[in-house]
Structure formats: C-alpha cells, structure tokens
Amino acid sequence: MKKLLTMVGIGLALAISSCSSLTGSKLVSAEGLEKAKKLLEKDPYTGKAFTKVMLWAGQPLEENFESVTAQYFDEKQGKDVSQRASEAGLSSPDVSTDEPSKAETFTLTEIPFDKVPAQVDKMIKFLSSQSELEEMEGYIVHSLVFTKENGQIKQKYEIQCTKKGEGKSVEGRNIVTNYYQFHVTPTADGQYEVSEW
C-alpha cells in the first residue's frame, strides 16, 4: 500500500509539473493576442502611433504570452520611447537618446491580430516541410514583431525549436535543453523569408 501511495504521489507531481506550462494563453492564440491588444488599449499607449510593437513569451522554449513592448514618439519629450507592459504592470519608459526614428508609424487598429493564428499554422507547416529543417521539431513562436514598411504592416516571428534526438542533459544541478532559433518573415506573395538569429 505504501508503494502504491508513493507511485500515485509521484504520478500526481509529474502531472502537475507537466501541466504548469499549459496555464496561460499561447502568444499566437486568439486569447494571447487579445491579452496583448487589451494592454495596448491602456495608457500610456492610448491613441499612440507606434513604430514597432513586440509581443513576447516567457523563457526560452515557452510560448505563453507574457508581455508586449511598444515603441512610439513621445511629443512631450521629443524622443522615441519604448515601454513594456504585462498583466503585472508597466516597466519604466526607456527614452531613446538618438534622433527620433524615421520609421513609418501605425495605430493599434492596423495590426492584423485576427490573421496571426492562421498565418502561424501555415508557417509551421511550411517549416516542417523544408528539407533543410528536417532534423528540427517542436516549433514555437517565442516573439512577434509588427512594423510598417511601404504602407504595409509587416510581421517578423522568432521561432524556437529543438533537434530530433537531442534530449535534455544534466549539467551539475541544471537540466539543459539545446534549442535553435531563427526569424521568419512572411512576404507579400505568400512565401517566407527565413533568416538566422
């Protein structure tokens, strides 16, 4: 009976620890994107024209939405400002010492949040079909950047993945997982540009 209770306890502990990454919303899910959008609707972002909006997951190989960072021109200071927001609150604004950006600006309503989940599904299928990436698996979107170029909103995805057959290793007290990352940018013609990190 004691062995049975021990086995049940171990099984329960494993189930709880394996489900902890399932809490929260995936960065590129409708729920995760809605969280980002709600943060961008609040001060200090209200009514701002952005030069860049970045959505972030947590630690490497995690894909749950954690925070959003927006860059915009602050008229009061006459400088570009970058500020990170999460459900826990706002970071202090990072005021640029450089000349204001000449990048095109865009508003929150221009960001195509609704198209992201389908675009990511197609992108993952594309990556999985590439012979150069046949050794890779477990593709996740770790961050997403929106900018505007030539009047069009552009997205750049940071993809993280692992290599088939490379398991976790123990180094001292640490469990180590090798992972690989690269950027994927969808093009206007429905293709993808893949670049190294």
Protein backbone atom coordinates (compact mmCIF):
# COMPACT_ATOMS: atom_id res chain seq x y z
CA MET A 1 0.00 0.00 0.00
CA LYS A 2 2.87 2.35 0.84
CA LYS A 3 4.41 1.73 -2.61
CA LEU A 4 1.07 2.43 -4.28
CA LEU A 5 0.71 5.77 -2.45
CA THR A 6 4.27 6.70 -3.38
CA MET A 7 3.60 5.89 -7.05
CA VAL A 8 0.36 7.90 -7.02
CA GLY A 9 2.19 10.82 -5.37
CA ILE A 10 4.96 10.75 -7.97
CA GLY A 11 2.43 10.49 -10.79
CA LEU A 12 0.47 13.45 -9.43
CA ALA A 13 3.64 15.53 -9.06
CA LEU A 14 4.63 14.75 -12.65
CA ALA A 15 1.16 15.61 -13.93
CA ILE A 16 1.15 18.94 -12.08
CA SER A 17 4.63 19.89 -13.26
CA SER A 18 3.92 18.91 -16.86
CA CYS A 19 0.68 20.92 -16.88
CA SER A 20 2.27 24.08 -15.50
CA SER A 21 3.35 25.14 -19.00
CA LEU A 22 -0.25 24.76 -20.17
CA THR A 23 -1.52 27.56 -17.97
CA GLY A 24 -1.87 30.90 -19.69
CA SER A 25 -2.50 31.60 -23.34
CA LYS A 26 -0.21 30.85 -26.25
CA LEU A 27 1.36 34.00 -27.63
CA VAL A 28 -0.17 33.50 -31.08
CA SER A 29 -3.56 32.14 -29.98
CA ALA A 30 -6.67 34.30 -30.16
CA GLU A 31 -6.61 34.57 -26.34
CA GLY A 32 -2.92 35.56 -26.17
CA LEU A 33 -3.34 38.14 -28.92
CA GLU A 34 -6.44 39.55 -27.18
CA LYS A 35 -4.39 39.99 -23.98
CA ALA A 36 -1.75 41.91 -25.94
CA LYS A 37 -4.39 44.06 -27.62
CA LYS A 38 -6.02 44.92 -24.27
CA LEU A 39 -2.66 46.02 -22.86
CA LEU A 40 -2.09 48.25 -25.89
CA GLU A 41 -5.51 49.88 -25.42
CA LYS A 42 -4.46 51.22 -21.99
CA ASP A 43 -2.31 54.19 -21.00
CA PRO A 44 0.40 55.07 -21.89
CA TYR A 45 -0.35 53.58 -25.32
CA THR A 46 -3.85 55.03 -25.84
CA GLY A 47 -4.03 56.82 -29.19
CA LYS A 48 -0.32 56.41 -29.92
CA ALA A 49 1.19 55.95 -33.36
CA PHE A 50 3.68 53.09 -33.00
CA THR A 51 6.92 52.47 -34.87
CA LYS A 52 7.21 48.93 -33.50
CA VAL A 53 5.11 46.56 -31.40
CA MET A 54 6.65 43.39 -29.97
CA LEU A 55 4.82 40.50 -28.30
CA TRP A 56 6.87 38.25 -26.03
CA ALA A 57 6.62 34.81 -24.48
CA GLY A 58 8.45 33.93 -21.28
CA GLN A 59 11.60 31.85 -21.01
CA PRO A 60 13.20 30.09 -24.00
CA LEU A 61 11.03 27.31 -25.45
CA GLU A 62 7.95 28.78 -23.78
CA GLU A 63 5.14 30.03 -25.94
CA ASN A 64 2.69 31.54 -23.46
CA PHE A 65 2.05 35.28 -23.78
CA GLU A 66 3.98 37.27 -21.20
CA SER A 67 4.28 40.90 -22.28
CA VAL A 68 4.13 43.49 -25.04
CA THR A 69 6.65 46.23 -25.79
CA ALA A 70 5.67 49.24 -27.86
CA GLN A 71 7.88 51.94 -29.36
CA TYR A 72 6.38 55.33 -30.13
CA PHE A 73 7.28 59.01 -30.37
CA ASP A 74 6.54 60.96 -27.19
CA GLU A 75 5.71 64.53 -28.18
CA LYS A 76 6.24 65.91 -24.65
CA GLN A 77 9.83 64.67 -24.56
CA GLY A 78 10.50 64.95 -28.29
CA LYS A 79 12.02 61.46 -28.16
CA ASP A 80 11.25 57.88 -29.06
CA VAL A 81 10.05 55.84 -26.10
CA SER A 82 9.92 52.08 -25.60
CA GLN A 83 7.82 50.64 -22.79
CA ARG A 84 6.94 47.10 -21.78
CA ALA A 85 3.55 46.10 -20.35
CA SER A 86 2.29 42.85 -18.85
CA GLU A 87 -0.64 41.84 -16.73
CA ALA A 88 1.63 42.60 -13.75
CA GLY A 89 2.07 46.25 -14.80
CA LEU A 90 4.24 48.66 -16.77
CA SER A 91 8.00 48.98 -16.91
CA SER A 92 9.63 52.39 -16.68
CA PRO A 93 9.77 54.05 -20.09
CA ASP A 94 13.06 53.69 -21.94
CA VAL A 95 13.68 57.06 -23.60
CA SER A 96 15.99 56.96 -26.60
CA THR A 97 18.95 59.33 -26.74
CA ASP A 98 19.10 59.02 -30.53
CA GLU A 99 17.34 61.17 -33.07
CA PRO A 100 13.65 60.27 -33.46
CA SER A 101 13.01 57.29 -35.71
CA LYS A 102 12.05 57.91 -39.32
CA ALA A 103 10.19 54.59 -39.43
CA GLU A 104 6.59 54.58 -40.62
CA THR A 105 4.02 54.71 -37.85
CA PHE A 106 0.83 52.70 -37.40
CA THR A 107 -2.08 52.52 -34.99
CA LEU A 108 -3.41 49.64 -32.96
CA THR A 109 -6.34 49.18 -35.36
CA GLU A 110 -3.93 48.48 -38.24
CA ILE A 111 -2.35 45.45 -36.54
CA PRO A 112 -3.83 42.28 -38.09
CA PHE A 113 -4.20 40.30 -34.85
CA ASP A 114 -7.04 38.22 -36.33
CA LYS A 115 -4.83 36.87 -39.15
CA VAL A 116 -1.92 35.75 -36.96
CA PRO A 117 -3.16 32.28 -35.84
CA ALA A 118 -3.85 31.09 -39.41
CA GLN A 119 -0.60 32.62 -40.64
CA VAL A 120 1.34 30.78 -37.92
CA ASP A 121 -0.32 27.46 -38.79
CA LYS A 122 0.71 27.84 -42.44
CA MET A 123 4.20 28.95 -41.45
CA ILE A 124 4.77 25.94 -39.17
CA LYS A 125 3.60 23.59 -41.95
CA PHE A 126 6.00 25.32 -44.33
CA LEU A 127 8.92 24.98 -41.90
CA SER A 128 8.11 21.33 -41.23
CA SER A 129 8.18 20.60 -44.97
CA GLN A 130 11.64 22.08 -45.59
CA SER A 131 14.40 19.54 -46.16
CA GLU A 132 16.97 21.87 -44.54
CA LEU A 133 14.94 21.72 -41.33
CA GLU A 134 14.03 18.02 -41.33
CA GLU A 135 16.10 17.45 -38.15
CA MET A 136 14.07 20.05 -36.24
CA GLU A 137 10.86 19.62 -34.24
CA GLY A 138 8.68 21.36 -31.69
CA TYR A 139 8.43 24.72 -33.46
CA ILE A 140 7.06 27.51 -31.29
CA VAL A 141 6.65 31.25 -31.76
CA HIS A 142 8.61 32.94 -28.98
CA SER A 143 8.15 36.54 -30.11
CA LEU A 144 6.37 38.52 -32.78
CA VAL A 145 7.29 41.98 -34.08
CA PHE A 146 5.00 44.31 -36.02
CA THR A 147 6.43 47.18 -38.08
CA LYS A 148 5.24 49.16 -41.09
CA GLU A 149 7.12 49.35 -44.40
CA ASN A 150 5.89 50.88 -47.66
CA GLY A 151 2.45 51.38 -46.15
CA GLN A 152 2.06 47.70 -45.16
CA ILE A 153 2.16 46.11 -41.72
CA LYS A 154 4.97 43.54 -41.58
CA GLN A 155 5.40 40.71 -39.10
CA LYS A 156 8.61 39.00 -38.05
CA TYR A 157 8.38 35.84 -35.97
CA GLU A 158 11.10 34.47 -33.72
CA ILE A 159 10.83 30.70 -33.98
CA GLN A 160 12.43 28.36 -31.46
CA CYS A 161 12.71 24.60 -31.89
CA THR A 162 14.70 21.57 -30.81
CA LYS A 163 16.64 19.00 -32.81
CA LYS A 164 15.27 15.47 -33.08
CA GLY A 165 17.20 13.08 -30.88
CA GLU A 166 18.72 15.79 -28.70
CA GLY A 167 17.24 15.20 -25.30
CA LYS A 168 17.77 17.08 -22.11
CA SER A 169 21.05 16.70 -20.28
CA VAL A 170 22.05 17.33 -16.70
CA GLU A 171 24.98 19.63 -16.00
CA GLY A 172 25.53 19.90 -12.27
CA ARG A 173 22.19 20.96 -10.80
CA ASN A 174 20.87 22.24 -14.12
CA ILE A 175 18.77 20.50 -16.73
CA VAL A 176 19.92 21.74 -20.12
CA THR A 177 17.95 21.70 -23.37
CA ASN A 178 19.62 22.81 -26.57
CA TYR A 179 17.34 24.90 -28.73
CA TYR A 180 17.64 26.68 -32.03
CA GLN A 181 16.13 29.97 -33.06
CA PHE A 182 15.63 31.88 -36.27
CA HIS A 183 13.41 34.56 -37.76
CA VAL A 184 10.63 34.02 -40.26
CA THR A 185 9.12 36.93 -42.18
CA PRO A 186 6.04 36.35 -44.35
CA THR A 187 6.32 38.07 -47.74
CA ALA A 188 3.59 39.80 -49.76
CA ASP A 189 3.49 36.88 -52.24
CA GLY A 190 2.67 34.31 -49.54
CA GLN A 191 6.22 32.97 -49.18
CA TYR A 192 8.52 33.09 -46.14
CA GLU A 193 11.97 34.55 -45.64
CA VAL A 194 13.92 32.55 -43.07
CA SER A 195 16.98 34.16 -41.51
CA GLU A 196 19.36 33.18 -38.74
CA TRP A 197 19.07 34.76 -35.35
